[in-house]
């Protein structure tokens, strides 16, 4: 998948001019933040990061970080590591690593 997700704009409400204008304003910001999220995850190598850790390290909101990490996942640049860690609130969350380090998940054939 190319770096040009969603037709070059962050997602927005199709019938809302306000939403589209916000997406236009956020376009460059989203690209820069997406790369910062990638670099943050990459620095941890096999340990990876959960979104909550990236939020704290970059000083950004959950909405901003989770959206950029999801874009990286859709682009094939990051993937689930196959294990979870606890957030600062005690909930479990998926750990993400750069795609090259992600485990290959083998599915067992169904018994029928």
Foldseek 3Di string as FASTA:
>chain_A
DDPCPPNQWQDFDPPDPVRVVVRVVCRVVLSVVLVVLQVVQAVVALVAAFLLVSCVVVVHDSVSSVSSVVSCVVVQQKDFQPDWDAHPVGDITTGIHTNVRHDDDDDDDDPD
